[in-house]
Amino acid sequence: MMLLRQIQKLYEILKKIIRSIFTGIGKAINEFIDKY
């Protein structure tokens, strides 16, 4: 039962990291499109 909670916590952290990576990529692409 304790393991499940730890996995959930890791999953939440991973989701935040992935989301921030995708927003970073999206911003970079938008800036690239604006420049060219």
PDB file of N, CA and C in Angstrom:
ATOM      1  N   MET A   1       0.844  -1.209   0.000  1.00  0.00           N
ATOM      2  CA  MET A   1       0.000   0.000   0.000  1.00  0.00           C
ATOM      3  C   MET A   1       0.879   1.258   0.000  1.00  0.00           C
ATOM      4  N   MET A   2       1.991   1.187   0.746  1.00  0.00           N
ATOM      5  CA  MET A   2       2.896   2.325   0.806  1.00  0.00           C
ATOM      6  C   MET A   2       3.567   2.533  -0.555  1.00  0.00           C
ATOM      7  N   LEU A   3       3.902   1.423  -1.218  1.00  0.00           N
ATOM      8  CA  LEU A   3       4.570   1.487  -2.518  1.00  0.00           C
ATOM      9  C   LEU A   3       3.696   2.210  -3.537  1.00  0.00           C
ATOM     10  N   LEU A   4       2.396   1.929  -3.512  1.00  0.00           N
ATOM     11  CA  LEU A   4       1.473   2.539  -4.467  1.00  0.00           C
ATOM     12  C   LEU A   4       1.479   4.064  -4.335  1.00  0.00           C
ATOM     13  N   ARG A   5       1.540   4.535  -3.068  1.00  0.00           N
ATOM     14  CA  ARG A   5       1.533   5.975  -2.831  1.00  0.00           C
ATOM     15  C   ARG A   5       2.808   6.614  -3.376  1.00  0.00           C
ATOM     16  N   GLN A   6       3.927   5.932  -3.206  1.00  0.00           N
ATOM     17  CA  GLN A   6       5.207   6.452  -3.716  1.00  0.00           C
ATOM     18  C   GLN A   6       5.188   6.509  -5.241  1.00  0.00           C
ATOM     19  N   ILE A   7       4.615   5.472  -5.866  1.00  0.00           N
ATOM     20  CA  ILE A   7       4.518   5.443  -7.333  1.00  0.00           C
ATOM     21  C   ILE A   7       3.649   6.600  -7.813  1.00  0.00           C
ATOM     22  N   GLN A   8       2.543   6.858  -7.104  1.00  0.00           N
ATOM     23  CA  GLN A   8       1.665   7.966  -7.486  1.00  0.00           C
ATOM     24  C   GLN A   8       2.402   9.301  -7.406  1.00  0.00           C
ATOM     25  N   LYS A   9       3.227   9.447  -6.337  1.00  0.00           N
ATOM     26  CA  LYS A   9       3.970  10.686  -6.160  1.00  0.00           C
ATOM     27  C   LYS A   9       4.970  10.870  -7.302  1.00  0.00           C
ATOM     28  N   LEU A  10       5.663   9.791  -7.644  1.00  0.00           N
ATOM     29  CA  LEU A  10       6.628   9.839  -8.751  1.00  0.00           C
ATOM     30  C   LEU A  10       5.923  10.187 -10.058  1.00  0.00           C
ATOM     31  N   TYR A  11       4.740   9.589 -10.260  1.00  0.00           N
ATOM     32  CA  TYR A  11       3.974   9.842 -11.480  1.00  0.00           C
ATOM     33  C   TYR A  11       3.598  11.317 -11.584  1.00  0.00           C
ATOM     34  N   GLU A  12       3.191  11.918 -10.462  1.00  0.00           N
ATOM     35  CA  GLU A  12       2.818  13.336 -10.462  1.00  0.00           C
ATOM     36  C   GLU A  12       4.027  14.204 -10.806  1.00  0.00           C
ATOM     37  N   ILE A  13       5.194  13.872 -10.231  1.00  0.00           N
ATOM     38  CA  ILE A  13       6.413  14.629 -10.516  1.00  0.00           C
ATOM     39  C   ILE A  13       6.771  14.497 -11.990  1.00  0.00           C
ATOM     40  N   LEU A  14       6.673  13.285 -12.518  1.00  0.00           N
ATOM     41  CA  LEU A  14       6.992  13.051 -13.933  1.00  0.00           C
ATOM     42  C   LEU A  14       6.064  13.855 -14.832  1.00  0.00           C
ATOM     43  N   LYS A  15       4.779  13.889 -14.474  1.00  0.00           N
ATOM     44  CA  LYS A  15       3.825  14.645 -15.292  1.00  0.00           C
ATOM     45  C   LYS A  15       4.208  16.123 -15.328  1.00  0.00           C
ATOM     46  N   LYS A  16       4.608  16.672 -14.162  1.00  0.00           N
ATOM     47  CA  LYS A  16       4.998  18.083 -14.110  1.00  0.00           C
ATOM     48  C   LYS A  16       6.229  18.332 -14.965  1.00  0.00           C
ATOM     49  N   ILE A  17       7.213  17.426 -14.871  1.00  0.00           N
ATOM     50  CA  ILE A  17       8.446  17.584 -15.648  1.00  0.00           C
ATOM     51  C   ILE A  17       8.135  17.531 -17.141  1.00  0.00           C
ATOM     52  N   ILE A  18       7.333  16.530 -17.551  1.00  0.00           N
ATOM     53  CA  ILE A  18       6.996  16.373 -18.972  1.00  0.00           C
ATOM     54  C   ILE A  18       6.230  17.598 -19.475  1.00  0.00           C
ATOM     55  N   ARG A  19       5.313  18.090 -18.644  1.00  0.00           N
ATOM     56  CA  ARG A  19       4.517  19.251 -19.046  1.00  0.00           C
ATOM     57  C   ARG A  19       5.410  20.479 -19.230  1.00  0.00           C
ATOM     58  N   SER A  20       6.352  20.674 -18.294  1.00  0.00           N
ATOM     59  CA  SER A  20       7.240  21.832 -18.397  1.00  0.00           C
ATOM     60  C   SER A  20       8.152  21.699 -19.612  1.00  0.00           C
ATOM     61  N   ILE A  21       8.591  20.474 -19.913  1.00  0.00           N
ATOM     62  CA  ILE A  21       9.435  20.253 -21.093  1.00  0.00           C
ATOM     63  C   ILE A  21       8.640  20.601 -22.357  1.00  0.00           C
ATOM     64  N   PHE A  22       7.390  20.127 -22.414  1.00  0.00           N
ATOM     65  CA  PHE A  22       6.582  20.392 -23.607  1.00  0.00           C
ATOM     66  C   PHE A  22       6.276  21.872 -23.773  1.00  0.00           C
ATOM     67  N   THR A  23       6.010  22.569 -22.661  1.00  0.00           N
ATOM     68  CA  THR A  23       5.735  24.009 -22.774  1.00  0.00           C
ATOM     69  C   THR A  23       7.000  24.733 -23.206  1.00  0.00           C
ATOM     70  N   GLY A  24       8.167  24.278 -22.718  1.00  0.00           N
ATOM     71  CA  GLY A  24       9.439  24.876 -23.129  1.00  0.00           C
ATOM     72  C   GLY A  24       9.673  24.691 -24.616  1.00  0.00           C
ATOM     73  N   ILE A  25       9.403  23.476 -25.109  1.00  0.00           N
ATOM     74  CA  ILE A  25       9.570  23.186 -26.534  1.00  0.00           C
ATOM     75  C   ILE A  25       8.591  24.050 -27.349  1.00  0.00           C
ATOM     76  N   GLY A  26       7.363  24.160 -26.868  1.00  0.00           N
ATOM     77  CA  GLY A  26       6.359  24.958 -27.561  1.00  0.00           C
ATOM     78  C   GLY A  26       6.775  26.417 -27.662  1.00  0.00           C
ATOM     79  N   LYS A  27       7.314  26.963 -26.562  1.00  0.00           N
ATOM     80  CA  LYS A  27       7.778  28.349 -26.588  1.00  0.00           C
ATOM     81  C   LYS A  27       8.925  28.507 -27.565  1.00  0.00           C
ATOM     82  N   ALA A  28       9.855  27.566 -27.555  1.00  0.00           N
ATOM     83  CA  ALA A  28      11.017  27.632 -28.454  1.00  0.00           C
ATOM     84  C   ALA A  28      10.558  27.602 -29.907  1.00  0.00           C
ATOM     85  N   ILE A  29       9.591  26.731 -30.204  1.00  0.00           N
ATOM     86  CA  ILE A  29       9.080  26.632 -31.581  1.00  0.00           C
ATOM     87  C   ILE A  29       8.399  27.946 -31.982  1.00  0.00           C
ATOM     88  N   ASN A  30       7.613  28.508 -31.067  1.00  0.00           N
ATOM     89  CA  ASN A  30       6.932  29.768 -31.377  1.00  0.00           C
ATOM     90  C   ASN A  30       7.925  30.885 -31.651  1.00  0.00           C
ATOM     91  N   GLU A  31       8.982  30.965 -30.833  1.00  0.00           N
ATOM     92  CA  GLU A  31       9.999  31.998 -31.043  1.00  0.00           C
ATOM     93  C   GLU A  31      10.700  31.777 -32.373  1.00  0.00           C
ATOM     94  N   PHE A  32      10.975  30.514 -32.691  1.00  0.00           N
ATOM     95  CA  PHE A  32      11.643  30.180 -33.953  1.00  0.00           C
ATOM     96  C   PHE A  32      10.783  30.599 -35.140  1.00  0.00           C
ATOM     97  N   ILE A  33       9.472  30.326 -35.046  1.00  0.00           N
ATOM     98  CA  ILE A  33       8.550  30.690 -36.135  1.00  0.00           C
ATOM     99  C   ILE A  33       8.485  32.219 -36.268  1.00  0.00           C
ATOM    100  N   ASP A  34       8.469  32.923 -35.132  1.00  0.00           N
ATOM    101  CA  ASP A  34       8.397  34.387 -35.179  1.00  0.00           C
ATOM    102  C   ASP A  34       9.632  34.991 -35.843  1.00  0.00           C
ATOM    103  N   LYS A  35      10.796  34.374 -35.592  1.00  0.00           N
ATOM    104  CA  LYS A  35      12.038  34.930 -36.145  1.00  0.00           C
ATOM    105  C   LYS A  35      12.137  34.717 -37.649  1.00  0.00           C
ATOM    106  N   TYR A  36      11.623  33.571 -38.136  1.00  0.00           N
ATOM    107  CA  TYR A  36      11.822  33.232 -39.548  1.00  0.00           C
ATOM    108  C   TYR A  36      10.543  33.211 -40.376  1.00  0.00           C
TER     109      TYR A  36
END
